[in-house]
Structure formats: C-alpha cells, structure tokens
Amino acid sequence: MATASACPGCGLELPERSGPVHDYIGASPACWALYSELLARQYQDYSQVEHRLTVDAYAVQHPGRPEPRAVQSVGVHLVALLLSVERRASPTEVMRAIRRLVATDPGFEWLDPPRPNGALTVVDVLRDEATPAEWAGDVWRAWEPHHPRVAAWLSRASPEGGP
C-alpha cells in the first residue's frame, strides 16, 4: 500500500509519488500531477474563463514559501481572483489588469495563507464535483482577511479600481 502525505498547499491527502513540481508553487508531486491532468482535460474543450479560474485558484491554493517569485505569483493570482470572482471581469480584462499590475510596483508582500486554504481542491474539479468557478470562489473566500490588501494592490495599478 502506498504511503499517503498531505499536499503542502491544499492539504489533500494523496499517495506519495515522485515527479516534477513547480519551482515556487507549493504543491506535492501527486497534486501537481492532478493539476496537469486537469489542464490537459481543459485544453481538449478549451474555455478561456475556466482556464483562467483554474490557474488562479491552483496558484493561490498552493502559495509556496515566502520568496520573491512566490510573493509575486500569489499577489497576481489573488488580484485575478478579485477581478474574476467579485467583479466578474472577463479573462481579457483580467490579463490587461495583470499586465498593468506587474508593470508597476504594487507593493506585494507575503500574506500568511489561510488554513484551510479553501474546502475545494483540484480533485473536486477533476471528479466533476465542483466547477472551476466554484473552486475559485471557495479559494477567494478563504483569503477573506487579505481582501483589503489585494484591493489596495489593484488600486495602485488601476486607480479607478477596475480591469
């Protein structure tokens, strides 16, 4: 029987396995493999909206450790969730805002991730028990204590507060 371990990002208990992981997204090899499987499935029937929500939810749910690339990644993906989930911005509007954001100095800083970091995970979407929108909304709500900081980052790049 395979030994199980918890993914350091989402907490999902999965059989231990070796394999690739991302340089600064904090996922176990088993969880990263599930994410890769979900992306492959999404590319077969591509939806820009679902893909945007999936990438943002996964990155925020697997924040890694406090180092510059992870800090920027979490900041960018949290702003994307704010725009997508709360403000119903289109993927094109989200990308436009992200480009403006990274061209400025939004003052990203490490935010202590919530525990738990959402109740839904990549496996819920793979099993069709949740949609990418439900997953993204769940992860965004988990980060609620940090919402004012995320809105401040967005307002530095977009004084009107929108995409």
N, C-alpha and C. Protein backbone atom coordinates (compact mmCIF):
# COMPACT_ATOMS: atom_id res chain seq x y z
N MET A 1 0.85 -1.17 0.00
CA MET A 1 0.00 0.00 0.00
C MET A 1 0.90 1.24 0.00
N ALA A 2 0.57 2.22 -0.82
CA ALA A 2 1.36 3.43 -0.93
C ALA A 2 1.15 4.32 0.30
N THR A 3 2.21 4.97 0.70
CA THR A 3 2.14 5.90 1.81
C THR A 3 1.50 7.20 1.32
N ALA A 4 0.60 7.73 2.11
CA ALA A 4 -0.06 8.98 1.75
C ALA A 4 0.59 10.14 2.49
N SER A 5 0.55 11.30 1.86
CA SER A 5 1.03 12.50 2.53
C SER A 5 0.17 13.67 2.07
N ALA A 6 0.16 14.71 2.88
CA ALA A 6 -0.66 15.88 2.58
C ALA A 6 0.09 16.83 1.66
N CYS A 7 -0.60 17.34 0.67
CA CYS A 7 -0.03 18.37 -0.20
C CYS A 7 0.21 19.61 0.67
N PRO A 8 1.39 20.22 0.58
CA PRO A 8 1.66 21.39 1.43
C PRO A 8 0.79 22.61 1.10
N GLY A 9 0.20 22.63 -0.07
CA GLY A 9 -0.66 23.76 -0.44
C GLY A 9 -2.10 23.57 -0.02
N CYS A 10 -2.75 22.59 -0.61
CA CYS A 10 -4.19 22.41 -0.40
C CYS A 10 -4.52 21.45 0.73
N GLY A 11 -3.52 20.67 1.18
CA GLY A 11 -3.75 19.73 2.27
C GLY A 11 -4.34 18.40 1.83
N LEU A 12 -4.55 18.22 0.54
CA LEU A 12 -5.13 16.99 0.01
C LEU A 12 -4.21 15.81 0.32
N GLU A 13 -4.77 14.76 0.91
CA GLU A 13 -4.02 13.55 1.20
C GLU A 13 -3.96 12.70 -0.07
N LEU A 14 -2.75 12.48 -0.56
CA LEU A 14 -2.55 11.73 -1.80
C LEU A 14 -1.43 10.73 -1.61
N PRO A 15 -1.45 9.63 -2.37
CA PRO A 15 -0.33 8.68 -2.30
C PRO A 15 0.97 9.40 -2.68
N GLU A 16 2.01 9.13 -1.92
CA GLU A 16 3.31 9.72 -2.24
C GLU A 16 3.76 9.22 -3.60
N ARG A 17 4.38 10.13 -4.35
CA ARG A 17 4.95 9.76 -5.64
C ARG A 17 6.07 10.71 -5.96
N SER A 18 6.92 10.28 -6.82
CA SER A 18 7.97 11.18 -7.28
C SER A 18 7.49 11.79 -8.59
N GLY A 19 8.10 12.87 -8.95
CA GLY A 19 7.73 13.51 -10.20
C GLY A 19 8.00 14.99 -10.13
N PRO A 20 7.72 15.67 -11.22
CA PRO A 20 8.02 17.09 -11.29
C PRO A 20 7.10 17.91 -10.39
N VAL A 21 7.63 19.04 -9.97
CA VAL A 21 6.85 20.05 -9.25
C VAL A 21 7.26 21.41 -9.81
N HIS A 22 6.53 22.41 -9.47
CA HIS A 22 6.84 23.77 -9.90
C HIS A 22 7.92 24.36 -9.00
N ASP A 23 8.71 25.28 -9.53
CA ASP A 23 9.80 25.88 -8.77
C ASP A 23 9.34 26.64 -7.54
N TYR A 24 8.20 27.33 -7.62
CA TYR A 24 7.80 28.14 -6.46
C TYR A 24 6.34 28.00 -6.07
N ILE A 25 5.58 27.21 -6.79
CA ILE A 25 4.22 26.88 -6.36
C ILE A 25 4.35 25.67 -5.43
N GLY A 26 3.77 25.77 -4.25
CA GLY A 26 3.97 24.76 -3.22
C GLY A 26 3.01 23.59 -3.31
N ALA A 27 3.26 22.70 -4.23
CA ALA A 27 2.41 21.52 -4.41
C ALA A 27 3.26 20.25 -4.32
N SER A 28 2.65 19.20 -3.85
CA SER A 28 3.32 17.90 -3.86
C SER A 28 3.36 17.38 -5.30
N PRO A 29 4.28 16.44 -5.60
CA PRO A 29 4.29 15.87 -6.95
C PRO A 29 2.95 15.23 -7.33
N ALA A 30 2.29 14.60 -6.38
CA ALA A 30 1.00 13.95 -6.68
C ALA A 30 -0.07 14.99 -7.01
N CYS A 31 -0.10 16.09 -6.27
CA CYS A 31 -1.09 17.13 -6.52
C CYS A 31 -0.78 17.85 -7.84
N TRP A 32 0.50 18.09 -8.09
CA TRP A 32 0.90 18.74 -9.35
C TRP A 32 0.49 17.87 -10.55
N ALA A 33 0.58 16.56 -10.40
CA ALA A 33 0.16 15.65 -11.47
C ALA A 33 -1.35 15.76 -11.71
N LEU A 34 -2.13 15.90 -10.65
CA LEU A 34 -3.58 16.07 -10.81
C LEU A 34 -3.90 17.40 -11.51
N TYR A 35 -3.20 18.44 -11.14
CA TYR A 35 -3.37 19.75 -11.79
C TYR A 35 -3.04 19.65 -13.28
N SER A 36 -1.95 18.97 -13.60
CA SER A 36 -1.57 18.78 -15.00
C SER A 36 -2.64 18.00 -15.76
N GLU A 37 -3.21 17.01 -15.10
CA GLU A 37 -4.31 16.23 -15.71
C GLU A 37 -5.52 17.12 -15.98
N LEU A 38 -5.85 17.97 -15.02
CA LEU A 38 -6.99 18.88 -15.22
C LEU A 38 -6.72 19.84 -16.37
N LEU A 39 -5.52 20.40 -16.44
CA LEU A 39 -5.20 21.31 -17.54
C LEU A 39 -5.30 20.59 -18.88
N ALA A 40 -4.79 19.37 -18.96
CA ALA A 40 -4.87 18.60 -20.21
C ALA A 40 -6.33 18.38 -20.60
N ARG A 41 -7.17 18.07 -19.63
CA ARG A 41 -8.60 17.88 -19.92
C ARG A 41 -9.23 19.18 -20.40
N GLN A 42 -8.88 20.28 -19.76
CA GLN A 42 -9.45 21.56 -20.16
C GLN A 42 -9.03 21.97 -21.56
N TYR A 43 -7.81 21.64 -21.95
CA TYR A 43 -7.34 22.01 -23.28
C TYR A 43 -8.09 21.26 -24.38
N GLN A 44 -8.68 20.12 -24.05
CA GLN A 44 -9.46 19.37 -25.04
C GLN A 44 -10.76 20.07 -25.39
N ASP A 45 -11.32 20.79 -24.44
CA ASP A 45 -12.56 21.54 -24.65
C ASP A 45 -12.35 22.92 -24.01
N TYR A 46 -11.49 23.71 -24.65
CA TYR A 46 -10.95 24.93 -24.05
C TYR A 46 -12.00 26.00 -23.79
N SER A 47 -11.97 26.51 -22.58
CA SER A 47 -12.77 27.67 -22.18
C SER A 47 -11.82 28.64 -21.50
N GLN A 48 -11.67 29.82 -22.06
CA GLN A 48 -10.77 30.82 -21.50
C GLN A 48 -11.15 31.15 -20.06
N VAL A 49 -12.45 31.22 -19.78
CA VAL A 49 -12.91 31.54 -18.43
C VAL A 49 -12.51 30.44 -17.45
N GLU A 50 -12.81 29.18 -17.79
CA GLU A 50 -12.48 28.07 -16.89
C GLU A 50 -10.97 27.95 -16.68
N HIS A 51 -10.20 28.13 -17.73
CA HIS A 51 -8.75 28.04 -17.60
C HIS A 51 -8.22 29.13 -16.68
N ARG A 52 -8.68 30.35 -16.86
CA ARG A 52 -8.24 31.48 -16.01
C ARG A 52 -8.53 31.18 -14.54
N LEU A 53 -9.74 30.71 -14.25
CA LEU A 53 -10.13 30.42 -12.87
C LEU A 53 -9.32 29.26 -12.29
N THR A 54 -9.05 28.25 -13.09
CA THR A 54 -8.29 27.10 -12.65
C THR A 54 -6.86 27.49 -12.28
N VAL A 55 -6.21 28.22 -13.16
CA VAL A 55 -4.82 28.63 -12.91
C VAL A 55 -4.74 29.50 -11.66
N ASP A 56 -5.65 30.46 -11.54
CA ASP A 56 -5.62 31.36 -10.38
C ASP A 56 -5.93 30.62 -9.08
N ALA A 57 -6.95 29.77 -9.09
CA ALA A 57 -7.30 29.03 -7.87
C ALA A 57 -6.15 28.12 -7.43
N TYR A 58 -5.56 27.42 -8.38
CA TYR A 58 -4.47 26.50 -8.02
C TYR A 58 -3.27 27.26 -7.47
N ALA A 59 -2.87 28.33 -8.13
CA ALA A 59 -1.69 29.08 -7.69
C ALA A 59 -1.89 29.67 -6.30
N VAL A 60 -3.07 30.19 -6.01
CA VAL A 60 -3.33 30.79 -4.70
C VAL A 60 -3.47 29.72 -3.63
N GLN A 61 -4.00 28.57 -4.01
CA GLN A 61 -4.16 27.49 -3.04
C GLN A 61 -2.84 26.79 -2.73
N HIS A 62 -1.83 27.03 -3.55
CA HIS A 62 -0.51 26.42 -3.38
C HIS A 62 0.56 27.52 -3.38
N PRO A 63 0.54 28.38 -2.35
CA PRO A 63 1.37 29.59 -2.38
C PRO A 63 2.87 29.38 -2.24
N GLY A 64 3.31 28.22 -1.88
CA GLY A 64 4.75 28.03 -1.73
C GLY A 64 5.26 28.64 -0.44
N ARG A 65 6.46 29.16 -0.49
CA ARG A 65 7.08 29.75 0.71
C ARG A 65 7.45 31.21 0.40
N PRO A 66 7.70 31.99 1.43
CA PRO A 66 7.99 33.41 1.23
C PRO A 66 9.30 33.65 0.49
N GLU A 67 9.25 33.74 -0.80
CA GLU A 67 10.39 34.11 -1.64
C GLU A 67 9.82 34.96 -2.77
N PRO A 68 10.62 35.82 -3.39
CA PRO A 68 10.09 36.83 -4.31
C PRO A 68 9.16 36.31 -5.40
N ARG A 69 9.51 35.20 -6.04
CA ARG A 69 8.64 34.70 -7.13
C ARG A 69 7.29 34.25 -6.60
N ALA A 70 7.29 33.59 -5.45
CA ALA A 70 6.03 33.14 -4.86
C ALA A 70 5.19 34.32 -4.39
N VAL A 71 5.83 35.32 -3.80
CA VAL A 71 5.10 36.50 -3.35
C VAL A 71 4.40 37.17 -4.53
N GLN A 72 5.13 37.36 -5.64
CA GLN A 72 4.51 37.98 -6.82
C GLN A 72 3.42 37.09 -7.40
N SER A 73 3.68 35.80 -7.47
CA SER A 73 2.69 34.88 -8.03
C SER A 73 1.38 34.93 -7.25
N VAL A 74 1.48 34.81 -5.94
CA VAL A 74 0.26 34.84 -5.11
C VAL A 74 -0.43 36.19 -5.27
N GLY A 75 0.33 37.28 -5.27
CA GLY A 75 -0.26 38.60 -5.43
C GLY A 75 -1.02 38.74 -6.74
N VAL A 76 -0.38 38.35 -7.82
CA VAL A 76 -1.01 38.45 -9.15
C VAL A 76 -2.27 37.59 -9.22
N HIS A 77 -2.18 36.36 -8.74
CA HIS A 77 -3.32 35.45 -8.83
C HIS A 77 -4.45 35.85 -7.89
N LEU A 78 -4.12 36.44 -6.73
CA LEU A 78 -5.19 36.96 -5.87
C LEU A 78 -5.90 38.14 -6.53
N VAL A 79 -5.16 39.02 -7.16
CA VAL A 79 -5.80 40.13 -7.89
C VAL A 79 -6.68 39.58 -9.00
N ALA A 80 -6.21 38.56 -9.69
CA ALA A 80 -7.02 37.94 -10.75
C ALA A 80 -8.31 37.35 -10.18
N LEU A 81 -8.23 36.71 -9.00
CA LEU A 81 -9.44 36.18 -8.38
C LEU A 81 -10.38 37.30 -7.96
N LEU A 82 -9.84 38.38 -7.41
CA LEU A 82 -10.68 39.53 -7.07
C LEU A 82 -11.45 40.00 -8.30
N LEU A 83 -10.75 40.15 -9.40
CA LEU A 83 -11.40 40.64 -10.62
C LEU A 83 -12.39 39.62 -11.19
N SER A 84 -12.01 38.36 -11.21
CA SER A 84 -12.87 37.33 -11.81
C SER A 84 -14.07 36.99 -10.94
N VAL A 85 -13.82 36.76 -9.65
CA VAL A 85 -14.87 36.27 -8.76
C VAL A 85 -15.79 37.40 -8.30
N GLU A 86 -15.20 38.47 -7.81
CA GLU A 86 -16.02 39.56 -7.25
C GLU A 86 -16.55 40.52 -8.30
N ARG A 87 -15.69 40.85 -9.25
CA ARG A 87 -16.06 41.91 -10.21
C ARG A 87 -16.49 41.37 -11.56
N ARG A 88 -16.48 40.06 -11.70
CA ARG A 88 -16.95 39.40 -12.92
C ARG A 88 -16.26 39.90 -14.19
N ALA A 89 -14.98 40.22 -14.07
CA ALA A 89 -14.21 40.67 -15.22
C ALA A 89 -13.96 39.50 -16.16
N SER A 90 -13.86 39.79 -17.42
CA SER A 90 -13.56 38.76 -18.42
C SER A 90 -12.08 38.40 -18.33
N PRO A 91 -11.69 37.24 -18.86
CA PRO A 91 -10.27 36.88 -18.87
C PRO A 91 -9.41 37.93 -19.56
N THR A 92 -9.91 38.54 -20.61
CA THR A 92 -9.16 39.59 -21.30
C THR A 92 -8.96 40.79 -20.39
N GLU A 93 -9.98 41.18 -19.67
CA GLU A 93 -9.86 42.29 -18.73
C GLU A 93 -8.90 41.95 -17.59
N VAL A 94 -8.95 40.71 -17.13
CA VAL A 94 -8.04 40.28 -16.06
C VAL A 94 -6.60 40.36 -16.55
N MET A 95 -6.33 39.87 -17.74
CA MET A 95 -4.96 39.91 -18.28
C MET A 95 -4.48 41.35 -18.46
N ARG A 96 -5.34 42.22 -18.91
CA ARG A 96 -4.98 43.63 -19.07
C ARG A 96 -4.58 44.22 -17.71
N ALA A 97 -5.37 43.93 -16.69
CA ALA A 97 -5.08 44.44 -15.35
C ALA A 97 -3.78 43.85 -14.80
N ILE A 98 -3.54 42.58 -15.05
CA ILE A 98 -2.32 41.94 -14.57
C ILE A 98 -1.09 42.56 -15.24
N ARG A 99 -1.18 42.84 -16.53
CA ARG A 99 -0.06 43.48 -17.22
C ARG A 99 0.25 44.83 -16.60
N ARG A 100 -0.80 45.61 -16.32
CA ARG A 100 -0.59 46.91 -15.67
C ARG A 100 0.01 46.72 -14.28
N LEU A 101 -0.48 45.73 -13.57
CA LEU A 101 -0.04 45.47 -12.21
C LEU A 101 1.45 45.15 -12.15
N VAL A 102 1.91 44.23 -12.98
CA VAL A 102 3.32 43.84 -12.92
C VAL A 102 4.24 44.92 -13.49
N ALA A 103 3.69 45.86 -14.25
CA ALA A 103 4.49 46.98 -14.76
C ALA A 103 4.68 48.06 -13.70
N THR A 104 3.94 47.99 -12.62
CA THR A 104 4.06 48.95 -11.53
C THR A 104 4.78 48.28 -10.38
N ASP A 105 4.86 48.97 -9.27
CA ASP A 105 5.33 48.34 -8.03
C ASP A 105 4.15 48.32 -7.08
N PRO A 106 3.35 47.25 -7.15
CA PRO A 106 2.14 47.23 -6.34
C PRO A 106 2.39 47.04 -4.84
N GLY A 107 3.63 46.79 -4.47
CA GLY A 107 3.94 46.61 -3.06
C GLY A 107 3.59 45.22 -2.55
N PHE A 108 3.70 44.21 -3.42
CA PHE A 108 3.41 42.86 -2.99
C PHE A 108 4.23 42.51 -1.76
N GLU A 109 3.61 41.81 -0.86
CA GLU A 109 4.28 41.29 0.32
C GLU A 109 3.69 39.91 0.60
N TRP A 110 4.44 39.12 1.38
CA TRP A 110 3.97 37.79 1.73
C TRP A 110 2.73 37.91 2.62
N LEU A 111 1.70 37.17 2.26
CA LEU A 111 0.49 37.08 3.07
C LEU A 111 0.43 35.67 3.64
N ASP A 112 0.23 35.56 4.93
CA ASP A 112 0.12 34.23 5.52
C ASP A 112 -1.10 33.53 4.96
N PRO A 113 -0.90 32.38 4.34
CA PRO A 113 -2.03 31.65 3.75
C PRO A 113 -3.01 31.19 4.81
N PRO A 114 -4.29 31.17 4.45
CA PRO A 114 -5.29 30.66 5.39
C PRO A 114 -5.15 29.15 5.56
N ARG A 115 -5.60 28.66 6.68
CA ARG A 115 -5.67 27.21 6.92
C ARG A 115 -7.05 26.90 7.44
N PRO A 116 -7.84 26.14 6.77
CA PRO A 116 -7.54 25.56 5.47
C PRO A 116 -7.59 26.61 4.37
N ASN A 117 -6.93 26.29 3.28
CA ASN A 117 -6.85 27.19 2.14
C ASN A 117 -7.96 26.83 1.14
N GLY A 118 -9.19 26.90 1.62
CA GLY A 118 -10.34 26.51 0.83
C GLY A 118 -10.74 25.08 1.12
N ALA A 119 -12.00 24.78 0.89
CA ALA A 119 -12.52 23.43 1.12
C ALA A 119 -12.49 22.58 -0.15
N LEU A 120 -12.49 23.23 -1.30
CA LEU A 120 -12.45 22.52 -2.58
C LEU A 120 -11.02 22.45 -3.08
N THR A 121 -10.72 21.41 -3.86
CA THR A 121 -9.38 21.24 -4.42
C THR A 121 -9.48 20.82 -5.88
N VAL A 122 -8.33 20.65 -6.48
CA VAL A 122 -8.25 20.23 -7.87
C VAL A 122 -9.00 18.92 -8.09
N VAL A 123 -8.98 18.04 -7.11
CA VAL A 123 -9.64 16.75 -7.27
C VAL A 123 -11.16 16.91 -7.39
N ASP A 124 -11.74 17.90 -6.72
CA ASP A 124 -13.18 18.13 -6.83
C ASP A 124 -13.57 18.53 -8.25
N VAL A 125 -12.71 19.30 -8.90
CA VAL A 125 -12.98 19.70 -10.29
C VAL A 125 -12.75 18.51 -11.22
N LEU A 126 -11.70 17.75 -10.99
CA LEU A 126 -11.44 16.57 -11.82
C LEU A 126 -12.58 15.56 -11.75
N ARG A 127 -13.18 15.42 -10.59
CA ARG A 127 -14.30 14.47 -10.41
C ARG A 127 -15.64 15.07 -10.82
N ASP A 128 -15.63 16.28 -11.32
CA ASP A 128 -16.85 17.00 -11.70
C ASP A 128 -17.79 17.19 -10.52
N GLU A 129 -17.20 17.33 -9.32
CA GLU A 129 -17.99 17.61 -8.12
C GLU A 129 -18.03 19.11 -7.83
N ALA A 130 -17.23 19.87 -8.55
CA ALA A 130 -17.20 21.33 -8.45
C ALA A 130 -16.75 21.88 -9.79
N THR A 131 -17.18 23.07 -10.09
CA THR A 131 -16.72 23.74 -11.31
C THR A 131 -15.49 24.59 -10.98
N PRO A 132 -14.73 24.98 -11.99
CA PRO A 132 -13.64 25.91 -11.72
C PRO A 132 -14.12 27.21 -11.05
N ALA A 133 -15.29 27.68 -11.40
CA ALA A 133 -15.83 28.89 -10.77
C ALA A 133 -16.11 28.67 -9.29
N GLU A 134 -16.66 27.52 -8.95
CA GLU A 134 -16.92 27.21 -7.53
C GLU A 134 -15.62 27.10 -6.76
N TRP A 135 -14.64 26.44 -7.35
CA TRP A 135 -13.33 26.28 -6.72
C TRP A 135 -12.67 27.64 -6.50
N ALA A 136 -12.66 28.47 -7.55
CA ALA A 136 -12.05 29.80 -7.44
C ALA A 136 -12.76 30.64 -6.37
N GLY A 137 -14.07 30.59 -6.34
CA GLY A 137 -14.82 31.33 -5.32
C GLY A 137 -14.50 30.85 -3.92
N ASP A 138 -14.38 29.55 -3.76
CA ASP A 138 -14.05 28.96 -2.45
C ASP A 138 -12.67 29.41 -1.98
N VAL A 139 -11.69 29.36 -2.87
CA VAL A 139 -10.33 29.77 -2.52
C VAL A 139 -10.31 31.27 -2.21
N TRP A 140 -10.98 32.07 -3.02
CA TRP A 140 -11.03 33.52 -2.79
C TRP A 140 -11.63 33.82 -1.41
N ARG A 141 -12.71 33.14 -1.05
CA ARG A 141 -13.32 33.36 0.27
C ARG A 141 -12.38 32.97 1.41
N ALA A 142 -11.57 31.94 1.20
CA ALA A 142 -10.62 31.52 2.25
C ALA A 142 -9.61 32.63 2.56
N TRP A 143 -9.31 33.45 1.58
CA TRP A 143 -8.33 34.53 1.74
C TRP A 143 -9.00 35.84 2.18
N GLU A 144 -10.22 35.79 2.65
CA GLU A 144 -11.00 36.98 3.01
C GLU A 144 -10.27 37.97 3.92
N PRO A 145 -9.50 37.52 4.92
CA PRO A 145 -8.80 38.51 5.75
C PRO A 145 -7.83 39.40 4.95
N HIS A 146 -7.39 38.92 3.80
CA HIS A 146 -6.43 39.67 2.98
C HIS A 146 -7.08 40.47 1.85
N HIS A 147 -8.40 40.41 1.71
CA HIS A 147 -9.06 41.10 0.61
C HIS A 147 -8.74 42.59 0.55
N PRO A 148 -8.71 43.33 1.68
CA PRO A 148 -8.37 44.76 1.59
C PRO A 148 -6.96 45.00 1.01
N ARG A 149 -6.00 44.17 1.37
CA ARG A 149 -4.64 44.31 0.84
C ARG A 149 -4.63 44.05 -0.67
N VAL A 150 -5.35 43.04 -1.11
CA VAL A 150 -5.41 42.70 -2.54
C VAL A 150 -6.05 43.86 -3.31
N ALA A 151 -7.12 44.41 -2.78
CA ALA A 151 -7.77 45.56 -3.44
C ALA A 151 -6.82 46.75 -3.50
N ALA A 152 -6.00 46.94 -2.48
CA ALA A 152 -5.02 48.04 -2.49
C ALA A 152 -3.98 47.82 -3.58
N TRP A 153 -3.53 46.58 -3.76
CA TRP A 153 -2.57 46.31 -4.83
C TRP A 153 -3.18 46.67 -6.18
N LEU A 154 -4.43 46.26 -6.40
CA LEU A 154 -5.09 46.56 -7.66
C LEU A 154 -5.23 48.07 -7.85
N SER A 155 -5.58 48.77 -6.80
CA SER A 155 -5.81 50.21 -6.96
C SER A 155 -4.52 50.96 -7.27
N ARG A 156 -3.38 50.44 -6.86
CA ARG A 156 -2.10 51.07 -7.22
C ARG A 156 -1.84 50.98 -8.73
N ALA A 157 -2.26 49.90 -9.32
CA ALA A 157 -2.05 49.71 -10.76
C ALA A 157 -3.19 50.28 -11.58
N SER A 158 -4.34 50.38 -10.97
CA SER A 158 -5.54 50.84 -11.67
C SER A 158 -6.32 51.76 -10.72
N PRO A 159 -5.99 53.05 -10.69
CA PRO A 159 -6.61 53.96 -9.73
C PRO A 159 -8.15 53.94 -9.76
N GLU A 160 -8.72 53.61 -10.90
CA GLU A 160 -10.17 53.53 -10.96
C GLU A 160 -10.70 52.23 -10.35
N GLY A 161 -9.79 51.31 -9.98
CA GLY A 161 -10.16 50.09 -9.27
C GLY A 161 -10.71 48.98 -10.10
N GLY A 162 -10.61 49.09 -11.40
CA GLY A 162 -11.17 48.05 -12.27
C GLY A 162 -10.13 47.49 -13.20
N PRO A 163 -10.57 46.60 -14.09
CA PRO A 163 -9.65 45.96 -15.02
C PRO A 163 -9.11 46.91 -16.08
